[in-house]
Amino acid sequence: MYGALLLLHLLAATIWTGGHIVLATVVLPKVLKARSPALLLDFESGYERIGMPALIVQIATGLMLAHRMVPDPAQWFNLANPLSHPILAKLGLLAITLVFALHARLRVIPNLTEKTLTTMAWHIIPVTVISVLFVVVGVSFRTGWLY
């Protein structure tokens, strides 16, 4: 069971993080150069069909993996427990990601114009960095970097 959970988690992370790296490094520069909200929305509509399910899979499998590592969820918040450090880091990154996503979905995207593309860029870049940090923290479960 552990192997299947980890595999699903890693595949979903690959989709989520890889998609955001492509968005930030390939799509966003073209969008900003052309000042074209349509280019961004085209990528977003296509990526969202695979990116959002990947995020949901990451959340579900991440919670299951955390539960396997520390069965008592109350201990996830016990800083005296070194295993809680990467779990808390991932939960914190998830909370920040959700705040950016909700703000983008509810405020920025509905009002996206040539003039507001920079605001969207200020959402894309941090979410991309956060997605890479998710991977770094995930690696720390094996390397012990965070505990």
Protein backbone atom coordinates (compact mmCIF):
# COMPACT_ATOMS: atom_id res chain seq x y z
CA MET A 1 0.00 0.00 0.00
CA TYR A 2 2.82 2.42 0.90
CA GLY A 3 4.44 2.01 -2.51
CA ALA A 4 1.19 2.73 -4.35
CA LEU A 5 0.50 5.82 -2.22
CA LEU A 6 3.99 7.14 -2.76
CA LEU A 7 3.84 6.48 -6.50
CA LEU A 8 0.51 8.30 -6.85
CA HIS A 9 1.83 11.15 -4.73
CA LEU A 10 4.96 11.48 -6.86
CA LEU A 11 3.08 11.29 -10.16
CA ALA A 12 0.68 13.99 -9.00
CA ALA A 13 3.60 16.11 -7.79
CA THR A 14 5.26 15.72 -11.18
CA ILE A 15 2.13 16.98 -12.94
CA TRP A 16 1.55 19.85 -10.50
CA THR A 17 5.14 21.05 -10.22
CA GLY A 18 6.05 20.41 -13.85
CA GLY A 19 2.97 22.23 -15.06
CA HIS A 20 3.76 25.25 -12.95
CA ILE A 21 7.39 25.30 -14.08
CA VAL A 22 6.22 25.27 -17.72
CA LEU A 23 3.66 27.96 -16.93
CA ALA A 24 6.18 30.23 -15.19
CA THR A 25 9.14 29.75 -17.53
CA VAL A 26 7.55 29.21 -20.96
CA VAL A 27 3.95 30.41 -21.03
CA LEU A 28 4.11 33.44 -18.72
CA PRO A 29 6.96 35.21 -20.58
CA LYS A 30 5.01 34.82 -23.86
CA VAL A 31 1.82 36.06 -22.20
CA LEU A 32 3.56 39.11 -20.74
CA LYS A 33 5.39 39.90 -23.99
CA ALA A 34 2.18 39.67 -26.04
CA ARG A 35 0.09 41.24 -23.25
CA SER A 36 -2.41 38.48 -24.00
CA PRO A 37 -4.78 37.25 -21.29
CA ALA A 38 -6.16 34.78 -23.87
CA LEU A 39 -2.82 32.91 -24.06
CA LEU A 40 -2.80 32.52 -20.30
CA LEU A 41 -6.44 31.47 -20.13
CA ASP A 42 -5.89 28.90 -22.90
CA PHE A 43 -3.05 27.29 -20.97
CA GLU A 44 -4.99 27.53 -17.73
CA SER A 45 -8.10 25.82 -19.11
CA GLY A 46 -6.08 22.94 -20.53
CA TYR A 47 -3.78 22.51 -17.56
CA GLU A 48 -6.58 22.78 -15.01
CA ARG A 49 -8.12 19.52 -16.28
CA ILE A 50 -5.03 17.60 -15.19
CA GLY A 51 -3.49 19.98 -12.63
CA MET A 52 -6.42 20.21 -10.25
CA PRO A 53 -6.98 16.44 -10.06
CA ALA A 54 -3.23 16.09 -9.49
CA LEU A 55 -3.43 18.53 -6.59
CA ILE A 56 -6.37 16.63 -5.11
CA VAL A 57 -4.44 13.35 -5.43
CA GLN A 58 -1.43 14.98 -3.76
CA ILE A 59 -3.53 16.21 -0.86
CA ALA A 60 -5.26 12.85 -0.35
CA THR A 61 -2.12 10.74 -0.68
CA GLY A 62 -0.09 13.25 1.33
CA LEU A 63 -2.51 13.02 4.24
CA MET A 64 -2.45 9.22 4.03
CA LEU A 65 1.35 9.15 3.92
CA ALA A 66 1.56 11.54 6.87
CA HIS A 67 -0.85 9.32 8.78
CA ARG A 68 1.35 6.29 8.07
CA MET A 69 4.38 8.19 9.33
CA VAL A 70 2.68 9.79 12.37
CA PRO A 71 -0.64 8.00 13.04
CA ASP A 72 -1.94 10.57 15.53
CA PRO A 73 -2.80 13.76 13.59
CA ALA A 74 -2.48 15.77 16.82
CA GLN A 75 1.21 14.86 16.78
CA TRP A 76 1.57 16.51 13.37
CA PHE A 77 1.49 19.82 15.26
CA ASN A 78 3.86 18.77 18.05
CA LEU A 79 7.10 20.57 17.29
CA ALA A 80 8.91 18.39 19.81
CA ASN A 81 8.35 15.51 17.38
CA PRO A 82 10.94 15.85 14.58
CA LEU A 83 8.70 13.95 12.15
CA SER A 84 6.13 16.72 12.47
CA HIS A 85 8.47 19.31 10.92
CA PRO A 86 8.14 18.24 7.27
CA ILE A 87 4.45 17.45 7.76
CA LEU A 88 3.86 20.96 9.09
CA ALA A 89 5.97 22.42 6.30
CA LYS A 90 3.83 20.65 3.70
CA LEU A 91 0.59 21.71 5.42
CA GLY A 92 1.85 25.31 5.54
CA LEU A 93 2.79 25.24 1.86
CA LEU A 94 -0.63 23.82 1.07
CA ALA A 95 -2.37 26.60 3.01
CA ILE A 96 -0.37 29.27 1.15
CA THR A 97 -1.11 27.58 -2.18
CA LEU A 98 -4.83 27.51 -1.41
CA VAL A 99 -4.84 31.21 -0.52
CA PHE A 100 -3.12 32.10 -3.80
CA ALA A 101 -5.42 29.79 -5.77
CA LEU A 102 -8.60 31.14 -4.23
CA HIS A 103 -7.52 34.74 -4.70
CA ALA A 104 -6.57 34.08 -8.33
CA ARG A 105 -9.76 32.15 -9.09
CA LEU A 106 -12.16 34.56 -7.35
CA ARG A 107 -10.51 37.95 -7.86
CA VAL A 108 -7.77 37.98 -10.48
CA ILE A 109 -8.93 35.64 -13.27
CA PRO A 110 -12.51 37.02 -13.48
CA ASN A 111 -11.00 40.50 -14.00
CA LEU A 112 -8.02 39.48 -16.12
CA THR A 113 -7.04 42.09 -18.69
CA GLU A 114 -3.86 43.26 -20.34
CA LYS A 115 -3.40 45.63 -17.39
CA THR A 116 -3.86 42.95 -14.70
CA LEU A 117 -1.52 40.34 -16.22
CA THR A 118 1.24 41.46 -13.87
CA THR A 119 -1.01 40.71 -10.89
CA MET A 120 -1.53 37.21 -12.24
CA ALA A 121 2.22 36.83 -12.71
CA TRP A 122 2.62 37.67 -9.02
CA HIS A 123 0.41 34.65 -8.33
CA ILE A 124 2.04 32.28 -10.81
CA ILE A 125 5.63 32.83 -9.69
CA PRO A 126 5.08 32.24 -5.95
CA VAL A 127 2.88 29.20 -6.59
CA THR A 128 5.61 27.79 -8.82
CA VAL A 129 8.24 28.36 -6.14
CA ILE A 130 5.91 26.80 -3.56
CA SER A 131 5.37 23.77 -5.79
CA VAL A 132 9.13 23.25 -5.98
CA LEU A 133 9.34 23.65 -2.19
CA PHE A 134 6.71 20.90 -1.87
CA VAL A 135 9.14 18.61 -3.70
CA VAL A 136 12.09 19.73 -1.57
CA VAL A 137 10.14 19.07 1.63
CA GLY A 138 8.99 15.73 0.23
CA VAL A 139 12.60 14.74 -0.38
CA SER A 140 13.37 15.71 3.21
CA PHE A 141 11.20 12.83 4.41
CA ARG A 142 13.94 10.56 3.06
CA THR A 143 16.98 12.77 3.66
CA GLY A 144 16.07 14.19 7.07
CA TRP A 145 16.82 17.79 6.00
CA LEU A 146 13.95 19.17 8.07
CA TYR A 147 14.25 16.98 11.15
